Amino acid sequence: MDTLKRLRTRLSSSPRKGTNKTRFFHGNKKLALSENPAAPGLDLSIKLGNANMTFSSEEGWHLDESSIGNYENEITSLQRYVDQLEKEKDEFKKRYDEEHKRATLLELKNRVLLQMVATANLDLEKDGAIHEHLGLKCDALRWELARCMTHIRKLEAGIESDDDTTASYMEEAAF
């Protein structure tokens, strides 16, 4: 509303009292002075958008008051539109914050899952090496069992065996 009052006073103010000279530019763009050519009774009318302004030599510029209501309505309408845009901005900011928070949590979850997969892969490699070692040990024990069974059959059949042979079987099984 203050803007409208300032505009009204600026446009409706008459020229300064005590001056009868008007300034205008010549072709060389130097400021020159000339006598005021306004004659009494000369009226001008200018339409700026919805506003009508008239100039008279006695009163100066005068703003038509009937167009001011239109400006007030337009200002009210624009203020409502600005308020609506502010609400939308706040809503978008809130949604952005929520999405940013969700994205951050998803990123953290992905990092944790990647660490879990990496740990599981290391455990799998370690368990694979242990399994391979136990498999070799199991094979060695089978061979040792087979040798012992052969040695027992030989002893039962009456074939004497050397103590060195039995000792060598035991040394191989100990690995």
N, C-alpha and C. Protein backbone atom coordinates (compact mmCIF):
# COMPACT_ATOMS: atom_id res chain seq x y z
N MET A 1 0.82 -1.18 0.00
CA MET A 1 0.00 0.00 0.00
C MET A 1 0.87 1.25 0.00
N ASP A 2 2.02 1.20 0.67
CA ASP A 2 2.92 2.36 0.69
C ASP A 2 3.42 2.67 -0.71
N THR A 3 3.66 1.65 -1.50
CA THR A 3 4.15 1.85 -2.86
C THR A 3 3.12 2.60 -3.68
N LEU A 4 1.88 2.24 -3.51
CA LEU A 4 0.81 2.90 -4.24
C LEU A 4 0.70 4.37 -3.84
N LYS A 5 0.85 4.67 -2.57
CA LYS A 5 0.80 6.07 -2.12
C LYS A 5 1.97 6.87 -2.68
N ARG A 6 3.16 6.26 -2.65
CA ARG A 6 4.33 6.96 -3.20
C ARG A 6 4.15 7.23 -4.69
N LEU A 7 3.63 6.22 -5.41
CA LEU A 7 3.42 6.38 -6.84
C LEU A 7 2.41 7.50 -7.10
N ARG A 8 1.33 7.53 -6.31
CA ARG A 8 0.30 8.55 -6.48
C ARG A 8 0.89 9.95 -6.23
N THR A 9 1.68 10.11 -5.17
CA THR A 9 2.23 11.43 -4.87
C THR A 9 3.28 11.83 -5.90
N ARG A 10 4.05 10.88 -6.37
CA ARG A 10 5.09 11.19 -7.36
C ARG A 10 4.46 11.63 -8.67
N LEU A 11 3.42 10.90 -9.10
CA LEU A 11 2.83 11.20 -10.39
C LEU A 11 1.88 12.38 -10.35
N SER A 12 1.28 12.64 -9.22
CA SER A 12 0.31 13.74 -9.16
C SER A 12 0.94 15.05 -8.70
N SER A 13 2.20 15.07 -8.37
CA SER A 13 2.82 16.31 -7.90
C SER A 13 3.01 17.27 -9.07
N SER A 14 2.83 18.52 -8.79
CA SER A 14 2.99 19.53 -9.83
C SER A 14 4.45 19.93 -9.93
N PRO A 15 4.84 20.60 -11.02
CA PRO A 15 6.24 21.03 -11.13
C PRO A 15 6.61 21.97 -10.00
N ARG A 16 7.90 22.09 -9.77
CA ARG A 16 8.38 22.97 -8.68
C ARG A 16 7.94 24.40 -8.90
N LYS A 17 7.61 25.01 -7.83
CA LYS A 17 7.17 26.40 -7.93
C LYS A 17 8.40 27.30 -8.07
N GLY A 18 8.26 28.30 -8.82
CA GLY A 18 9.35 29.24 -8.99
C GLY A 18 10.22 28.93 -10.21
N THR A 19 9.98 27.80 -10.88
CA THR A 19 10.77 27.50 -12.08
C THR A 19 9.85 27.61 -13.27
N ASN A 20 10.31 28.25 -14.26
CA ASN A 20 9.54 28.36 -15.49
C ASN A 20 10.35 27.80 -16.66
N LYS A 21 11.38 27.03 -16.35
CA LYS A 21 12.22 26.46 -17.38
C LYS A 21 12.06 24.94 -17.39
N THR A 22 12.09 24.32 -18.56
CA THR A 22 12.01 22.88 -18.71
C THR A 22 13.30 22.40 -19.35
N ARG A 23 13.83 21.29 -18.87
CA ARG A 23 15.07 20.76 -19.42
C ARG A 23 14.76 19.69 -20.48
N PHE A 24 15.52 19.67 -21.55
CA PHE A 24 15.41 18.61 -22.54
C PHE A 24 16.76 18.46 -23.23
N PHE A 25 16.98 17.35 -23.94
CA PHE A 25 18.26 17.06 -24.60
C PHE A 25 18.20 17.49 -26.06
N HIS A 26 19.31 18.06 -26.51
CA HIS A 26 19.46 18.37 -27.93
C HIS A 26 20.23 17.24 -28.58
N GLY A 27 20.50 17.31 -29.87
CA GLY A 27 21.19 16.26 -30.61
C GLY A 27 22.59 15.97 -30.08
N ASN A 28 23.29 16.98 -29.55
CA ASN A 28 24.63 16.73 -29.03
C ASN A 28 24.59 16.23 -27.59
N LYS A 29 23.41 15.92 -27.08
CA LYS A 29 23.17 15.33 -25.77
C LYS A 29 23.63 16.22 -24.62
N LYS A 30 23.78 17.50 -24.86
CA LYS A 30 24.07 18.42 -23.76
C LYS A 30 22.75 18.93 -23.22
N LEU A 31 22.71 19.07 -21.92
CA LEU A 31 21.48 19.51 -21.28
C LEU A 31 21.30 21.01 -21.56
N ALA A 32 20.12 21.33 -22.06
CA ALA A 32 19.85 22.73 -22.39
C ALA A 32 18.58 23.18 -21.68
N LEU A 33 18.40 24.44 -21.57
CA LEU A 33 17.23 24.98 -20.92
C LEU A 33 16.42 25.79 -21.92
N SER A 34 15.13 25.71 -21.77
CA SER A 34 14.27 26.53 -22.65
C SER A 34 13.09 27.02 -21.82
N GLU A 35 12.39 27.93 -22.32
CA GLU A 35 11.21 28.46 -21.64
C GLU A 35 10.10 27.42 -21.67
N ASN A 36 9.28 27.38 -20.64
CA ASN A 36 8.17 26.44 -20.57
C ASN A 36 7.12 26.81 -21.61
N PRO A 37 6.90 25.93 -22.59
CA PRO A 37 5.96 26.30 -23.66
C PRO A 37 4.50 26.02 -23.29
N ALA A 38 4.24 25.53 -22.08
CA ALA A 38 2.87 25.16 -21.74
C ALA A 38 1.99 26.40 -21.69
N ALA A 39 0.89 26.31 -22.37
CA ALA A 39 -0.07 27.41 -22.39
C ALA A 39 -1.24 27.04 -21.49
N PRO A 40 -1.89 28.00 -20.88
CA PRO A 40 -3.03 27.67 -20.03
C PRO A 40 -4.12 26.97 -20.84
N GLY A 41 -4.70 25.95 -20.19
CA GLY A 41 -5.78 25.23 -20.85
C GLY A 41 -5.30 24.04 -21.67
N LEU A 42 -4.00 23.78 -21.76
CA LEU A 42 -3.48 22.65 -22.52
C LEU A 42 -3.54 21.40 -21.62
N ASP A 43 -4.30 20.41 -22.05
CA ASP A 43 -4.42 19.17 -21.27
C ASP A 43 -3.90 18.00 -22.10
N LEU A 44 -3.14 17.11 -21.43
CA LEU A 44 -2.64 15.88 -22.05
C LEU A 44 -3.20 14.70 -21.28
N SER A 45 -3.42 13.62 -21.99
CA SER A 45 -3.92 12.41 -21.34
C SER A 45 -3.05 11.24 -21.80
N ILE A 46 -2.56 10.44 -20.83
CA ILE A 46 -1.72 9.29 -21.13
C ILE A 46 -2.32 8.07 -20.42
N LYS A 47 -2.35 6.97 -21.17
CA LYS A 47 -2.85 5.73 -20.58
C LYS A 47 -1.67 4.78 -20.45
N LEU A 48 -1.37 4.39 -19.20
CA LEU A 48 -0.30 3.45 -18.90
C LEU A 48 -0.92 2.16 -18.36
N GLY A 49 -1.08 1.18 -19.22
CA GLY A 49 -1.75 -0.04 -18.79
C GLY A 49 -3.19 0.26 -18.48
N ASN A 50 -3.60 0.06 -17.23
CA ASN A 50 -4.96 0.37 -16.81
C ASN A 50 -5.07 1.76 -16.19
N ALA A 51 -3.96 2.43 -15.99
CA ALA A 51 -3.97 3.73 -15.31
C ALA A 51 -4.06 4.85 -16.35
N ASN A 52 -4.89 5.83 -16.05
CA ASN A 52 -5.01 7.02 -16.89
C ASN A 52 -4.42 8.19 -16.12
N MET A 53 -3.54 8.93 -16.81
CA MET A 53 -2.94 10.12 -16.20
C MET A 53 -3.22 11.31 -17.10
N THR A 54 -3.51 12.42 -16.49
CA THR A 54 -3.76 13.65 -17.25
C THR A 54 -2.83 14.74 -16.75
N PHE A 55 -2.46 15.61 -17.68
CA PHE A 55 -1.59 16.74 -17.33
C PHE A 55 -2.33 18.02 -17.69
N SER A 56 -2.39 18.90 -16.75
CA SER A 56 -2.95 20.23 -17.02
C SER A 56 -1.94 21.25 -16.54
N SER A 57 -1.93 22.39 -17.18
CA SER A 57 -0.93 23.41 -16.84
C SER A 57 -1.16 23.95 -15.44
N GLU A 58 -2.38 23.93 -14.93
CA GLU A 58 -2.65 24.44 -13.60
C GLU A 58 -2.31 23.42 -12.51
N GLU A 59 -2.69 22.15 -12.70
CA GLU A 59 -2.55 21.15 -11.67
C GLU A 59 -1.33 20.25 -11.84
N GLY A 60 -0.77 20.16 -13.02
CA GLY A 60 0.33 19.24 -13.28
C GLY A 60 -0.21 17.85 -13.58
N TRP A 61 0.53 16.84 -13.26
CA TRP A 61 0.10 15.45 -13.51
C TRP A 61 -0.90 15.02 -12.46
N HIS A 62 -1.92 14.31 -12.94
CA HIS A 62 -2.97 13.84 -12.05
C HIS A 62 -3.32 12.41 -12.44
N LEU A 63 -3.34 11.51 -11.42
CA LEU A 63 -3.65 10.10 -11.64
C LEU A 63 -5.14 9.90 -11.45
N ASP A 64 -5.76 9.21 -12.42
CA ASP A 64 -7.19 8.92 -12.33
C ASP A 64 -7.41 7.92 -11.21
N GLU A 65 -8.20 8.28 -10.22
CA GLU A 65 -8.38 7.48 -9.00
C GLU A 65 -9.15 6.19 -9.25
N SER A 66 -9.93 6.09 -10.32
CA SER A 66 -10.75 4.89 -10.56
C SER A 66 -9.89 3.67 -10.90
N SER A 67 -8.70 3.87 -11.42
CA SER A 67 -7.85 2.72 -11.79
C SER A 67 -7.06 2.19 -10.59
N ILE A 68 -7.04 2.92 -9.48
CA ILE A 68 -6.28 2.48 -8.31
C ILE A 68 -6.86 1.20 -7.72
N GLY A 69 -8.17 1.06 -7.72
CA GLY A 69 -8.82 -0.15 -7.21
C GLY A 69 -8.35 -1.39 -7.96
N ASN A 70 -8.16 -1.26 -9.26
CA ASN A 70 -7.66 -2.39 -10.04
C ASN A 70 -6.26 -2.79 -9.58
N TYR A 71 -5.43 -1.81 -9.30
CA TYR A 71 -4.08 -2.12 -8.83
C TYR A 71 -4.11 -2.79 -7.46
N GLU A 72 -4.98 -2.33 -6.58
CA GLU A 72 -5.09 -2.95 -5.27
C GLU A 72 -5.55 -4.40 -5.39
N ASN A 73 -6.52 -4.65 -6.28
CA ASN A 73 -6.96 -6.03 -6.51
C ASN A 73 -5.82 -6.88 -7.08
N GLU A 74 -5.09 -6.30 -8.00
CA GLU A 74 -3.98 -7.03 -8.60
C GLU A 74 -2.88 -7.31 -7.56
N ILE A 75 -2.62 -6.35 -6.69
CA ILE A 75 -1.62 -6.54 -5.63
C ILE A 75 -2.08 -7.64 -4.68
N THR A 76 -3.35 -7.66 -4.32
CA THR A 76 -3.90 -8.70 -3.45
C THR A 76 -3.78 -10.07 -4.12
N SER A 77 -4.12 -10.12 -5.38
CA SER A 77 -4.03 -11.38 -6.13
C SER A 77 -2.57 -11.87 -6.19
N LEU A 78 -1.67 -10.96 -6.48
CA LEU A 78 -0.25 -11.33 -6.55
C LEU A 78 0.29 -11.75 -5.18
N GLN A 79 -0.19 -11.12 -4.12
CA GLN A 79 0.25 -11.49 -2.77
C GLN A 79 -0.22 -12.91 -2.44
N ARG A 80 -1.48 -13.25 -2.83
CA ARG A 80 -1.97 -14.62 -2.63
C ARG A 80 -1.12 -15.61 -3.41
N TYR A 81 -0.75 -15.24 -4.63
CA TYR A 81 0.09 -16.12 -5.45
C TYR A 81 1.48 -16.31 -4.82
N VAL A 82 2.05 -15.25 -4.28
CA VAL A 82 3.35 -15.34 -3.60
C VAL A 82 3.24 -16.24 -2.38
N ASP A 83 2.14 -16.10 -1.61
CA ASP A 83 1.93 -16.96 -0.44
C ASP A 83 1.82 -18.42 -0.85
N GLN A 84 1.11 -18.68 -1.94
CA GLN A 84 0.97 -20.05 -2.45
C GLN A 84 2.34 -20.60 -2.86
N LEU A 85 3.14 -19.79 -3.53
CA LEU A 85 4.48 -20.23 -3.94
C LEU A 85 5.37 -20.50 -2.72
N GLU A 86 5.23 -19.70 -1.67
CA GLU A 86 5.99 -19.93 -0.45
C GLU A 86 5.61 -21.27 0.18
N LYS A 87 4.30 -21.57 0.20
CA LYS A 87 3.85 -22.84 0.75
C LYS A 87 4.41 -24.01 -0.07
N GLU A 88 4.37 -23.88 -1.39
CA GLU A 88 4.91 -24.94 -2.26
C GLU A 88 6.41 -25.10 -2.05
N LYS A 89 7.10 -23.98 -1.87
CA LYS A 89 8.55 -24.04 -1.62
C LYS A 89 8.84 -24.79 -0.33
N ASP A 90 8.07 -24.48 0.71
CA ASP A 90 8.26 -25.17 1.99
C ASP A 90 7.97 -26.66 1.86
N GLU A 91 6.91 -27.00 1.11
CA GLU A 91 6.57 -28.41 0.89
C GLU A 91 7.67 -29.13 0.12
N PHE A 92 8.20 -28.50 -0.92
CA PHE A 92 9.28 -29.11 -1.69
C PHE A 92 10.54 -29.26 -0.86
N LYS A 93 10.82 -28.29 -0.01
CA LYS A 93 11.99 -28.38 0.85
C LYS A 93 11.84 -29.53 1.83
N LYS A 94 10.64 -29.68 2.38
CA LYS A 94 10.38 -30.78 3.31
C LYS A 94 10.55 -32.13 2.59
N ARG A 95 9.98 -32.24 1.39
CA ARG A 95 10.12 -33.49 0.62
C ARG A 95 11.57 -33.75 0.24
N TYR A 96 12.30 -32.69 -0.09
CA TYR A 96 13.72 -32.85 -0.43
C TYR A 96 14.50 -33.37 0.78
N ASP A 97 14.23 -32.78 1.94
CA ASP A 97 14.92 -33.23 3.16
C ASP A 97 14.62 -34.69 3.46
N GLU A 98 13.35 -35.09 3.29
CA GLU A 98 12.99 -36.49 3.54
C GLU A 98 13.70 -37.42 2.55
N GLU A 99 13.71 -37.04 1.28
CA GLU A 99 14.37 -37.88 0.26
C GLU A 99 15.88 -37.93 0.48
N HIS A 100 16.45 -36.81 0.89
CA HIS A 100 17.89 -36.78 1.16
C HIS A 100 18.23 -37.70 2.33
N LYS A 101 17.39 -37.66 3.36
CA LYS A 101 17.60 -38.52 4.53
C LYS A 101 17.47 -39.99 4.12
N ARG A 102 16.45 -40.31 3.31
CA ARG A 102 16.25 -41.68 2.86
C ARG A 102 17.42 -42.16 2.00
N ALA A 103 17.92 -41.30 1.12
CA ALA A 103 19.05 -41.66 0.28
C ALA A 103 20.31 -41.90 1.12
N THR A 104 20.50 -41.08 2.14
CA THR A 104 21.66 -41.25 3.03
C THR A 104 21.57 -42.59 3.77
N LEU A 105 20.38 -42.94 4.24
CA LEU A 105 20.20 -44.21 4.93
C LEU A 105 20.42 -45.40 3.98
N LEU A 106 19.95 -45.27 2.75
CA LEU A 106 20.17 -46.33 1.77
C LEU A 106 21.66 -46.49 1.45
N GLU A 107 22.35 -45.38 1.35
CA GLU A 107 23.80 -45.44 1.09
C GLU A 107 24.51 -46.14 2.25
N LEU A 108 24.14 -45.82 3.47
CA LEU A 108 24.73 -46.47 4.64
C LEU A 108 24.42 -47.96 4.63
N LYS A 109 23.18 -48.31 4.32
CA LYS A 109 22.78 -49.72 4.27
C LYS A 109 23.60 -50.46 3.21
N ASN A 110 23.80 -49.86 2.05
CA ASN A 110 24.59 -50.49 0.99
C ASN A 110 26.03 -50.71 1.43
N ARG A 111 26.60 -49.74 2.11
CA ARG A 111 27.98 -49.90 2.60
C ARG A 111 28.10 -51.06 3.59
N VAL A 112 27.12 -51.14 4.51
CA VAL A 112 27.13 -52.23 5.49
C VAL A 112 27.00 -53.58 4.79
N LEU A 113 26.09 -53.66 3.81
CA LEU A 113 25.90 -54.91 3.09
C LEU A 113 27.15 -55.30 2.30
N LEU A 114 27.82 -54.32 1.70
CA LEU A 114 29.07 -54.62 0.98
C LEU A 114 30.14 -55.13 1.93
N GLN A 115 30.24 -54.56 3.11
CA GLN A 115 31.20 -55.05 4.09
C GLN A 115 30.85 -56.47 4.54
N MET A 116 29.55 -56.74 4.68
CA MET A 116 29.14 -58.09 5.07
C MET A 116 29.49 -59.10 3.97
N VAL A 117 29.28 -58.73 2.71
CA VAL A 117 29.62 -59.62 1.59
C VAL A 117 31.12 -59.85 1.54
N ALA A 118 31.91 -58.80 1.72
CA ALA A 118 33.36 -58.95 1.70
C ALA A 118 33.82 -59.87 2.83
N THR A 119 33.26 -59.70 4.02
CA THR A 119 33.62 -60.56 5.17
C THR A 119 33.22 -62.01 4.89
N ALA A 120 32.03 -62.20 4.30
CA ALA A 120 31.57 -63.55 3.98
C ALA A 120 32.48 -64.21 2.95
N ASN A 121 32.95 -63.43 1.96
CA ASN A 121 33.87 -63.98 0.96
C ASN A 121 35.19 -64.40 1.60
N LEU A 122 35.70 -63.58 2.51
CA LEU A 122 36.94 -63.95 3.21
C LEU A 122 36.74 -65.21 4.05
N ASP A 123 35.59 -65.28 4.75
CA ASP A 123 35.29 -66.47 5.54
C ASP A 123 35.16 -67.69 4.65
N LEU A 124 34.57 -67.53 3.48
CA LEU A 124 34.41 -68.64 2.55
C LEU A 124 35.77 -69.14 2.07
N GLU A 125 36.65 -68.20 1.73
CA GLU A 125 38.01 -68.60 1.31
C GLU A 125 38.72 -69.33 2.44
N LYS A 126 38.60 -68.81 3.65
CA LYS A 126 39.25 -69.43 4.80
C LYS A 126 38.67 -70.82 5.06
N ASP A 127 37.34 -70.93 5.03
CA ASP A 127 36.69 -72.22 5.23
C ASP A 127 37.04 -73.19 4.10
N GLY A 128 37.19 -72.68 2.89
CA GLY A 128 37.58 -73.54 1.76
C GLY A 128 38.98 -74.11 1.97
N ALA A 129 39.89 -73.27 2.47
CA ALA A 129 41.25 -73.75 2.73
C ALA A 129 41.24 -74.79 3.84
N ILE A 130 40.45 -74.53 4.88
CA ILE A 130 40.35 -75.51 5.98
C ILE A 130 39.74 -76.82 5.47
N HIS A 131 38.70 -76.70 4.64
CA HIS A 131 38.06 -77.89 4.08
C HIS A 131 39.04 -78.69 3.23
N GLU A 132 39.80 -77.99 2.42
CA GLU A 132 40.80 -78.68 1.59
C GLU A 132 41.84 -79.38 2.46
N HIS A 133 42.32 -78.71 3.51
CA HIS A 133 43.29 -79.30 4.42
C HIS A 133 42.72 -80.53 5.11
N LEU A 134 41.46 -80.43 5.59
CA LEU A 134 40.82 -81.57 6.26
C LEU A 134 40.57 -82.72 5.28
N GLY A 135 40.25 -82.37 4.03
CA GLY A 135 40.07 -83.41 3.01
C GLY A 135 41.36 -84.18 2.77
N LEU A 136 42.48 -83.45 2.68
CA LEU A 136 43.77 -84.12 2.51
C LEU A 136 44.12 -84.98 3.72
N LYS A 137 43.84 -84.45 4.91
CA LYS A 137 44.11 -85.21 6.13
C LYS A 137 43.25 -86.47 6.18
N CYS A 138 41.98 -86.36 5.76
CA CYS A 138 41.07 -87.51 5.73
C CYS A 138 41.58 -88.57 4.74
N ASP A 139 42.06 -88.12 3.57
CA ASP A 139 42.62 -89.05 2.58
C ASP A 139 43.84 -89.76 3.16
N ALA A 140 44.67 -89.00 3.85
CA ALA A 140 45.87 -89.60 4.44
C ALA A 140 45.48 -90.64 5.49
N LEU A 141 44.47 -90.33 6.29
CA LEU A 141 44.02 -91.29 7.30
C LEU A 141 43.40 -92.54 6.67
N ARG A 142 42.71 -92.39 5.55
CA ARG A 142 42.18 -93.56 4.83
C ARG A 142 43.31 -94.47 4.36
N TRP A 143 44.35 -93.81 3.79
CA TRP A 143 45.49 -94.61 3.32
C TRP A 143 46.17 -95.30 4.51
N GLU A 144 46.27 -94.57 5.61
CA GLU A 144 46.88 -95.17 6.79
C GLU A 144 46.04 -96.33 7.30
N LEU A 145 44.72 -96.19 7.30
CA LEU A 145 43.83 -97.26 7.71
C LEU A 145 43.97 -98.47 6.78
N ALA A 146 44.08 -98.19 5.50
CA ALA A 146 44.25 -99.28 4.53
C ALA A 146 45.56 -100.01 4.78
N ARG A 147 46.62 -99.31 5.08
CA ARG A 147 47.90 -99.95 5.34
C ARG A 147 47.83 -100.79 6.63
N CYS A 148 47.16 -100.21 7.64
CA CYS A 148 47.03 -100.94 8.90
C CYS A 148 46.21 -102.21 8.69
N MET A 149 45.15 -102.11 7.93
CA MET A 149 44.32 -103.28 7.65
C MET A 149 45.13 -104.33 6.89
N THR A 150 45.96 -103.92 5.97
CA THR A 150 46.81 -104.84 5.24
C THR A 150 47.81 -105.48 6.19
N HIS A 151 48.38 -104.72 7.06
CA HIS A 151 49.35 -105.23 8.03
C HIS A 151 48.68 -106.23 8.98
N ILE A 152 47.44 -105.93 9.42
CA ILE A 152 46.72 -106.85 10.31
C ILE A 152 46.42 -108.16 9.59
N ARG A 153 46.01 -108.11 8.34
CA ARG A 153 45.74 -109.32 7.57
C ARG A 153 46.99 -110.17 7.42
N LYS A 154 48.12 -109.48 7.20
CA LYS A 154 49.37 -110.22 7.07
C LYS A 154 49.72 -110.90 8.39
N LEU A 155 49.50 -110.21 9.50
CA LEU A 155 49.79 -110.79 10.81
C LEU A 155 48.84 -111.95 11.09
N GLU A 156 47.61 -111.84 10.74
CA GLU A 156 46.66 -112.92 10.96
C GLU A 156 46.96 -114.12 10.06
N ALA A 157 47.47 -113.89 8.93
CA ALA A 157 47.81 -114.96 8.00
C ALA A 157 49.11 -115.65 8.40
N GLY A 158 49.77 -115.12 9.33
CA GLY A 158 51.00 -115.72 9.81
C GLY A 158 52.23 -115.18 9.14
N ILE A 159 52.06 -114.18 8.38
CA ILE A 159 53.23 -113.58 7.76
C ILE A 159 53.79 -112.59 8.75
N GLU A 160 55.03 -112.79 9.05
CA GLU A 160 55.69 -111.91 10.01
C GLU A 160 56.06 -110.63 9.27
N SER A 161 55.90 -109.56 10.00
CA SER A 161 56.32 -108.30 9.39
C SER A 161 57.41 -107.70 10.23
N ASP A 162 58.14 -106.89 9.58
CA ASP A 162 59.24 -106.23 10.27
C ASP A 162 58.68 -105.11 11.13
N ASP A 163 59.39 -104.89 12.22
CA ASP A 163 59.00 -103.73 13.04
C ASP A 163 59.28 -102.44 12.30
N ASP A 164 60.26 -102.49 11.41
CA ASP A 164 60.58 -101.29 10.63
C ASP A 164 59.41 -100.92 9.72
N THR A 165 58.75 -101.92 9.14
CA THR A 165 57.63 -101.66 8.24
C THR A 165 56.49 -101.02 9.01
N THR A 166 56.20 -101.56 10.21
CA THR A 166 55.13 -101.00 11.03
C THR A 166 55.51 -99.60 11.46
N ALA A 167 56.73 -99.39 11.82
CA ALA A 167 57.19 -98.05 12.22
C ALA A 167 57.07 -97.08 11.06
N SER A 168 57.42 -97.57 9.86
CA SER A 168 57.33 -96.67 8.71
C SER A 168 55.88 -96.31 8.41
N TYR A 169 54.92 -97.27 8.62
CA TYR A 169 53.51 -96.96 8.43
C TYR A 169 53.05 -95.90 9.43
N MET A 170 53.52 -95.99 10.66
CA MET A 170 53.13 -95.07 11.70
C MET A 170 53.70 -93.67 11.43
N GLU A 171 54.92 -93.61 10.94
CA GLU A 171 55.52 -92.32 10.63
C GLU A 171 54.80 -91.63 9.51
N GLU A 172 54.37 -92.40 8.52
CA GLU A 172 53.64 -91.81 7.38
C GLU A 172 52.28 -91.30 7.83
N ALA A 173 51.66 -92.01 8.77
CA ALA A 173 50.32 -91.60 9.22
C ALA A 173 50.38 -90.37 10.11
N ALA A 174 51.51 -90.11 10.76
CA ALA A 174 51.61 -89.00 11.68
C ALA A 174 51.66 -87.64 10.98
N PHE A 175 52.25 -87.60 9.84
CA PHE A 175 52.51 -86.34 9.09
C PHE A 175 52.18 -85.17 9.88
